[in-house]
Amino acid sequence: MTSLREILHKGSFRNVSFSWVSGTTTGGRKTVLFDFPNSDTRLSQDLGQVPDKFSMNVFITGTADDYYSKRDALITALNTAGAGELQHPTSELLKRGYGYEYFGGKKEVINYSK
């Protein structure tokens, strides 16, 4: 059986490390559809590429002594103005601004997206 430690990927944002297990990526093309009156004809116009967008569910692991300081460091890094350097766990190094959603409780999860 695979342990959680084996499926977690390591990443970092502004040199604050985290573990990542899942995420989504979207992209494609911008298109506009034109329907014409009294016609069965439809025209599609390509307006170029949609910038890729991804979302990651990241986990901060640690002992009871250092967990909250690690969590607060990541939230501070995400709230810092300007582009930051993201070492994506399964992709290239990205330099952009990011937002986040924080879910507290027994299992605290920070979702962050570009």
N, C-alpha and C. Protein backbone atom coordinates (compact mmCIF):
# COMPACT_ATOMS: atom_id res chain seq x y z
N MET A 1 0.84 -1.18 0.00
CA MET A 1 0.00 0.00 0.00
C MET A 1 0.89 1.25 0.00
N THR A 2 0.50 2.23 -0.81
CA THR A 2 1.27 3.46 -0.92
C THR A 2 0.96 4.38 0.25
N SER A 3 1.99 4.92 0.87
CA SER A 3 1.78 5.83 2.00
C SER A 3 1.60 7.26 1.47
N LEU A 4 1.02 8.11 2.30
CA LEU A 4 0.83 9.51 1.93
C LEU A 4 2.16 10.18 1.66
N ARG A 5 3.18 9.85 2.42
CA ARG A 5 4.50 10.43 2.23
C ARG A 5 5.05 10.14 0.83
N GLU A 6 4.70 8.99 0.25
CA GLU A 6 5.20 8.60 -1.07
C GLU A 6 4.49 9.34 -2.20
N ILE A 7 3.25 9.79 -1.99
CA ILE A 7 2.52 10.45 -3.07
C ILE A 7 2.59 11.97 -2.99
N LEU A 8 3.09 12.51 -1.88
CA LEU A 8 3.22 13.96 -1.78
C LEU A 8 4.41 14.45 -2.60
N HIS A 9 4.21 15.52 -3.34
CA HIS A 9 5.29 16.15 -4.12
C HIS A 9 5.74 17.39 -3.35
N LYS A 10 7.01 17.69 -3.44
CA LYS A 10 7.55 18.87 -2.75
C LYS A 10 7.58 20.07 -3.69
N GLY A 11 7.26 21.22 -3.15
CA GLY A 11 7.31 22.46 -3.89
C GLY A 11 7.61 23.59 -2.93
N SER A 12 7.74 24.80 -3.46
CA SER A 12 7.95 25.96 -2.60
C SER A 12 7.47 27.22 -3.31
N PHE A 13 7.13 28.22 -2.51
CA PHE A 13 6.78 29.54 -3.03
C PHE A 13 7.52 30.56 -2.19
N ARG A 14 8.30 31.39 -2.86
CA ARG A 14 9.16 32.37 -2.17
C ARG A 14 9.96 31.70 -1.06
N ASN A 15 10.51 30.54 -1.40
CA ASN A 15 11.37 29.74 -0.51
C ASN A 15 10.65 29.20 0.73
N VAL A 16 9.32 29.18 0.72
CA VAL A 16 8.55 28.54 1.79
C VAL A 16 8.07 27.20 1.23
N SER A 17 8.47 26.11 1.85
CA SER A 17 8.18 24.79 1.29
C SER A 17 6.79 24.30 1.68
N PHE A 18 6.25 23.42 0.84
CA PHE A 18 4.96 22.79 1.07
C PHE A 18 4.97 21.44 0.38
N SER A 19 3.93 20.66 0.66
CA SER A 19 3.72 19.39 -0.03
C SER A 19 2.45 19.51 -0.85
N TRP A 20 2.43 18.84 -1.97
CA TRP A 20 1.32 18.94 -2.91
C TRP A 20 0.91 17.54 -3.31
N VAL A 21 -0.40 17.29 -3.38
CA VAL A 21 -0.87 15.97 -3.77
C VAL A 21 -1.82 16.03 -4.97
N SER A 22 -2.48 17.16 -5.20
CA SER A 22 -3.41 17.24 -6.33
C SER A 22 -3.55 18.67 -6.81
N GLY A 23 -4.08 18.80 -8.01
CA GLY A 23 -4.31 20.11 -8.58
C GLY A 23 -5.02 19.99 -9.92
N THR A 24 -5.37 21.12 -10.49
CA THR A 24 -6.02 21.14 -11.79
C THR A 24 -5.33 22.18 -12.68
N THR A 25 -5.41 21.96 -13.97
CA THR A 25 -4.89 22.92 -14.95
C THR A 25 -5.94 23.09 -16.04
N THR A 26 -6.18 24.33 -16.44
CA THR A 26 -7.09 24.60 -17.55
C THR A 26 -6.38 25.49 -18.56
N GLY A 27 -6.84 25.45 -19.78
CA GLY A 27 -6.28 26.25 -20.85
C GLY A 27 -7.14 26.09 -22.09
N GLY A 28 -6.58 26.35 -23.23
CA GLY A 28 -7.32 26.17 -24.48
C GLY A 28 -7.26 27.41 -25.35
N ARG A 29 -8.33 27.61 -26.10
CA ARG A 29 -8.42 28.73 -27.03
C ARG A 29 -9.62 29.59 -26.69
N LYS A 30 -9.50 30.91 -26.92
CA LYS A 30 -10.63 31.83 -26.78
C LYS A 30 -11.37 31.81 -28.11
N THR A 31 -12.64 31.52 -28.07
CA THR A 31 -13.43 31.53 -29.30
C THR A 31 -14.72 32.29 -29.09
N VAL A 32 -15.25 32.82 -30.17
CA VAL A 32 -16.54 33.48 -30.17
C VAL A 32 -17.38 32.80 -31.24
N LEU A 33 -18.62 32.47 -30.89
CA LEU A 33 -19.54 31.87 -31.85
C LEU A 33 -20.51 32.92 -32.34
N PHE A 34 -20.74 32.94 -33.63
CA PHE A 34 -21.70 33.86 -34.24
C PHE A 34 -22.82 33.03 -34.86
N ASP A 35 -24.05 33.30 -34.45
CA ASP A 35 -25.24 32.70 -35.05
C ASP A 35 -25.92 33.78 -35.87
N PHE A 36 -26.35 33.41 -37.07
CA PHE A 36 -26.94 34.39 -37.99
C PHE A 36 -28.45 34.19 -38.07
N PRO A 37 -29.20 35.30 -38.10
CA PRO A 37 -30.67 35.18 -38.20
C PRO A 37 -31.08 34.51 -39.52
N ASN A 38 -32.14 33.71 -39.44
CA ASN A 38 -32.71 33.03 -40.61
C ASN A 38 -31.68 32.17 -41.33
N SER A 39 -30.77 31.58 -40.58
CA SER A 39 -29.72 30.77 -41.20
C SER A 39 -29.35 29.63 -40.25
N ASP A 40 -28.96 28.52 -40.84
CA ASP A 40 -28.46 27.40 -40.05
C ASP A 40 -26.94 27.46 -39.92
N THR A 41 -26.36 28.56 -40.35
CA THR A 41 -24.91 28.71 -40.37
C THR A 41 -24.42 29.29 -39.05
N ARG A 42 -23.33 28.76 -38.59
CA ARG A 42 -22.66 29.28 -37.39
C ARG A 42 -21.19 29.50 -37.74
N LEU A 43 -20.64 30.62 -37.29
CA LEU A 43 -19.24 30.94 -37.53
C LEU A 43 -18.52 30.97 -36.19
N SER A 44 -17.35 30.38 -36.16
CA SER A 44 -16.51 30.40 -34.96
C SER A 44 -15.26 31.20 -35.27
N GLN A 45 -14.93 32.14 -34.41
CA GLN A 45 -13.74 32.95 -34.60
C GLN A 45 -12.76 32.67 -33.47
N ASP A 46 -11.52 32.37 -33.82
CA ASP A 46 -10.47 32.08 -32.85
C ASP A 46 -9.81 33.39 -32.44
N LEU A 47 -9.82 33.67 -31.14
CA LEU A 47 -9.24 34.92 -30.63
C LEU A 47 -7.91 34.71 -29.91
N GLY A 48 -7.32 33.52 -30.08
CA GLY A 48 -6.02 33.27 -29.48
C GLY A 48 -6.09 32.33 -28.28
N GLN A 49 -4.95 32.10 -27.71
CA GLN A 49 -4.83 31.16 -26.60
C GLN A 49 -5.30 31.76 -25.29
N VAL A 50 -5.98 30.95 -24.48
CA VAL A 50 -6.32 31.33 -23.12
C VAL A 50 -5.09 31.04 -22.26
N PRO A 51 -4.65 31.99 -21.45
CA PRO A 51 -3.51 31.69 -20.58
C PRO A 51 -3.84 30.51 -19.66
N ASP A 52 -2.86 29.65 -19.46
CA ASP A 52 -3.06 28.51 -18.57
C ASP A 52 -3.39 28.99 -17.17
N LYS A 53 -4.26 28.25 -16.50
CA LYS A 53 -4.61 28.53 -15.11
C LYS A 53 -4.52 27.23 -14.35
N PHE A 54 -3.89 27.27 -13.21
CA PHE A 54 -3.81 26.05 -12.42
C PHE A 54 -4.16 26.34 -10.97
N SER A 55 -4.57 25.29 -10.32
CA SER A 55 -4.91 25.36 -8.90
C SER A 55 -4.26 24.17 -8.22
N MET A 56 -3.73 24.38 -7.03
CA MET A 56 -3.05 23.31 -6.30
C MET A 56 -3.60 23.24 -4.89
N ASN A 57 -3.75 22.04 -4.38
CA ASN A 57 -4.05 21.85 -2.97
C ASN A 57 -2.73 21.52 -2.30
N VAL A 58 -2.28 22.40 -1.42
CA VAL A 58 -0.99 22.20 -0.78
C VAL A 58 -1.18 21.91 0.70
N PHE A 59 -0.25 21.16 1.23
CA PHE A 59 -0.28 20.76 2.63
C PHE A 59 1.00 21.20 3.30
N ILE A 60 0.88 21.61 4.53
CA ILE A 60 2.05 21.96 5.32
C ILE A 60 2.15 20.90 6.40
N THR A 61 3.26 20.24 6.43
CA THR A 61 3.45 19.20 7.44
C THR A 61 4.49 19.66 8.44
N GLY A 62 4.34 19.19 9.63
CA GLY A 62 5.30 19.56 10.66
C GLY A 62 4.86 19.07 12.01
N THR A 63 5.66 19.35 12.98
CA THR A 63 5.34 19.00 14.35
C THR A 63 4.40 20.04 14.93
N ALA A 64 3.87 19.76 16.08
CA ALA A 64 3.00 20.73 16.75
C ALA A 64 3.75 22.03 17.03
N ASP A 65 5.07 21.95 17.17
CA ASP A 65 5.87 23.13 17.49
C ASP A 65 6.10 24.06 16.30
N ASP A 66 6.21 23.48 15.08
CA ASP A 66 6.56 24.34 13.94
C ASP A 66 5.47 24.44 12.87
N TYR A 67 4.38 23.70 13.00
CA TYR A 67 3.33 23.73 11.97
C TYR A 67 2.78 25.13 11.75
N TYR A 68 2.38 25.81 12.82
CA TYR A 68 1.74 27.12 12.67
C TYR A 68 2.70 28.17 12.12
N SER A 69 3.95 28.09 12.46
CA SER A 69 4.91 29.06 11.90
C SER A 69 5.11 28.80 10.41
N LYS A 70 5.12 27.54 9.99
CA LYS A 70 5.23 27.22 8.55
C LYS A 70 3.99 27.69 7.80
N ARG A 71 2.81 27.44 8.38
CA ARG A 71 1.57 27.88 7.75
C ARG A 71 1.55 29.40 7.60
N ASP A 72 1.89 30.11 8.66
CA ASP A 72 1.88 31.57 8.63
C ASP A 72 2.91 32.11 7.63
N ALA A 73 4.05 31.44 7.50
CA ALA A 73 5.07 31.87 6.53
C ALA A 73 4.54 31.74 5.10
N LEU A 74 3.81 30.67 4.80
CA LEU A 74 3.26 30.49 3.45
C LEU A 74 2.17 31.52 3.19
N ILE A 75 1.31 31.78 4.15
CA ILE A 75 0.27 32.79 3.96
C ILE A 75 0.89 34.16 3.77
N THR A 76 1.92 34.49 4.51
CA THR A 76 2.63 35.76 4.34
C THR A 76 3.24 35.85 2.95
N ALA A 77 3.86 34.76 2.48
CA ALA A 77 4.45 34.74 1.14
C ALA A 77 3.39 34.95 0.07
N LEU A 78 2.22 34.35 0.24
CA LEU A 78 1.14 34.51 -0.74
C LEU A 78 0.55 35.91 -0.71
N ASN A 79 0.59 36.57 0.43
CA ASN A 79 0.05 37.92 0.56
C ASN A 79 1.05 39.01 0.18
N THR A 80 2.29 38.67 -0.06
CA THR A 80 3.31 39.64 -0.42
C THR A 80 3.06 40.15 -1.84
N ALA A 81 3.12 41.47 -2.01
CA ALA A 81 2.85 42.08 -3.31
C ALA A 81 3.90 41.67 -4.35
N GLY A 82 3.49 41.65 -5.61
CA GLY A 82 4.40 41.36 -6.70
C GLY A 82 4.50 39.88 -7.02
N ALA A 83 5.21 39.61 -8.08
CA ALA A 83 5.39 38.22 -8.52
C ALA A 83 6.35 37.50 -7.59
N GLY A 84 6.05 36.25 -7.33
CA GLY A 84 6.93 35.42 -6.51
C GLY A 84 7.37 34.20 -7.30
N GLU A 85 8.39 33.56 -6.84
CA GLU A 85 8.93 32.39 -7.53
C GLU A 85 8.31 31.12 -6.95
N LEU A 86 7.60 30.39 -7.82
CA LEU A 86 6.97 29.13 -7.43
C LEU A 86 7.77 27.98 -8.01
N GLN A 87 8.26 27.13 -7.15
CA GLN A 87 8.89 25.88 -7.60
C GLN A 87 7.76 24.87 -7.63
N HIS A 88 7.15 24.73 -8.83
CA HIS A 88 6.01 23.83 -9.00
C HIS A 88 6.50 22.39 -8.87
N PRO A 89 5.78 21.57 -8.12
CA PRO A 89 6.26 20.20 -7.86
C PRO A 89 6.44 19.34 -9.11
N THR A 90 5.63 19.56 -10.14
CA THR A 90 5.72 18.69 -11.31
C THR A 90 5.94 19.46 -12.61
N SER A 91 6.23 20.75 -12.51
CA SER A 91 6.39 21.58 -13.70
C SER A 91 7.63 22.45 -13.56
N GLU A 92 7.71 23.45 -14.41
CA GLU A 92 8.88 24.33 -14.40
C GLU A 92 8.75 25.39 -13.33
N LEU A 93 9.81 26.15 -13.15
CA LEU A 93 9.83 27.27 -12.22
C LEU A 93 8.97 28.39 -12.79
N LEU A 94 8.03 28.90 -12.01
CA LEU A 94 7.12 29.94 -12.46
C LEU A 94 7.32 31.18 -11.61
N LYS A 95 7.20 32.35 -12.22
CA LYS A 95 7.35 33.60 -11.48
C LYS A 95 6.11 34.44 -11.75
N ARG A 96 5.19 34.43 -10.79
CA ARG A 96 3.92 35.13 -10.94
C ARG A 96 3.36 35.48 -9.58
N GLY A 97 2.22 36.18 -9.59
CA GLY A 97 1.48 36.45 -8.37
C GLY A 97 0.44 35.36 -8.16
N TYR A 98 0.07 35.12 -6.93
CA TYR A 98 -0.85 34.03 -6.61
C TYR A 98 -1.84 34.47 -5.55
N GLY A 99 -2.97 33.80 -5.53
CA GLY A 99 -3.97 34.01 -4.49
C GLY A 99 -4.17 32.71 -3.74
N TYR A 100 -4.94 32.76 -2.69
CA TYR A 100 -5.15 31.53 -1.93
C TYR A 100 -6.50 31.53 -1.24
N GLU A 101 -6.97 30.33 -0.89
CA GLU A 101 -8.11 30.11 -0.02
C GLU A 101 -7.61 29.23 1.11
N TYR A 102 -8.00 29.57 2.32
CA TYR A 102 -7.52 28.83 3.49
C TYR A 102 -8.69 28.13 4.15
N PHE A 103 -8.55 26.84 4.40
CA PHE A 103 -9.57 26.07 5.08
C PHE A 103 -8.97 25.56 6.38
N GLY A 104 -9.43 26.09 7.50
CA GLY A 104 -8.91 25.69 8.80
C GLY A 104 -9.70 24.54 9.39
N GLY A 105 -9.27 24.08 10.51
CA GLY A 105 -9.94 22.98 11.19
C GLY A 105 -8.94 21.91 11.54
N LYS A 106 -9.43 20.71 11.74
CA LYS A 106 -8.54 19.61 12.08
C LYS A 106 -7.54 19.34 10.97
N LYS A 107 -8.03 19.43 9.73
CA LYS A 107 -7.14 19.29 8.57
C LYS A 107 -7.15 20.64 7.89
N GLU A 108 -6.05 21.33 7.93
CA GLU A 108 -5.98 22.66 7.33
C GLU A 108 -5.38 22.56 5.95
N VAL A 109 -6.06 23.13 4.97
CA VAL A 109 -5.64 23.05 3.59
C VAL A 109 -5.59 24.46 3.03
N ILE A 110 -4.56 24.76 2.27
CA ILE A 110 -4.49 26.02 1.55
C ILE A 110 -4.54 25.69 0.07
N ASN A 111 -5.57 26.19 -0.62
CA ASN A 111 -5.66 26.04 -2.08
C ASN A 111 -5.07 27.30 -2.66
N TYR A 112 -4.17 27.14 -3.61
CA TYR A 112 -3.71 28.37 -4.24
C TYR A 112 -3.67 28.26 -5.73
N SER A 113 -4.03 29.38 -6.36
CA SER A 113 -4.23 29.36 -7.80
C SER A 113 -3.61 30.56 -8.46
N LYS A 114 -3.33 30.39 -9.73
CA LYS A 114 -2.72 31.45 -10.52
C LYS A 114 -3.83 32.11 -11.30
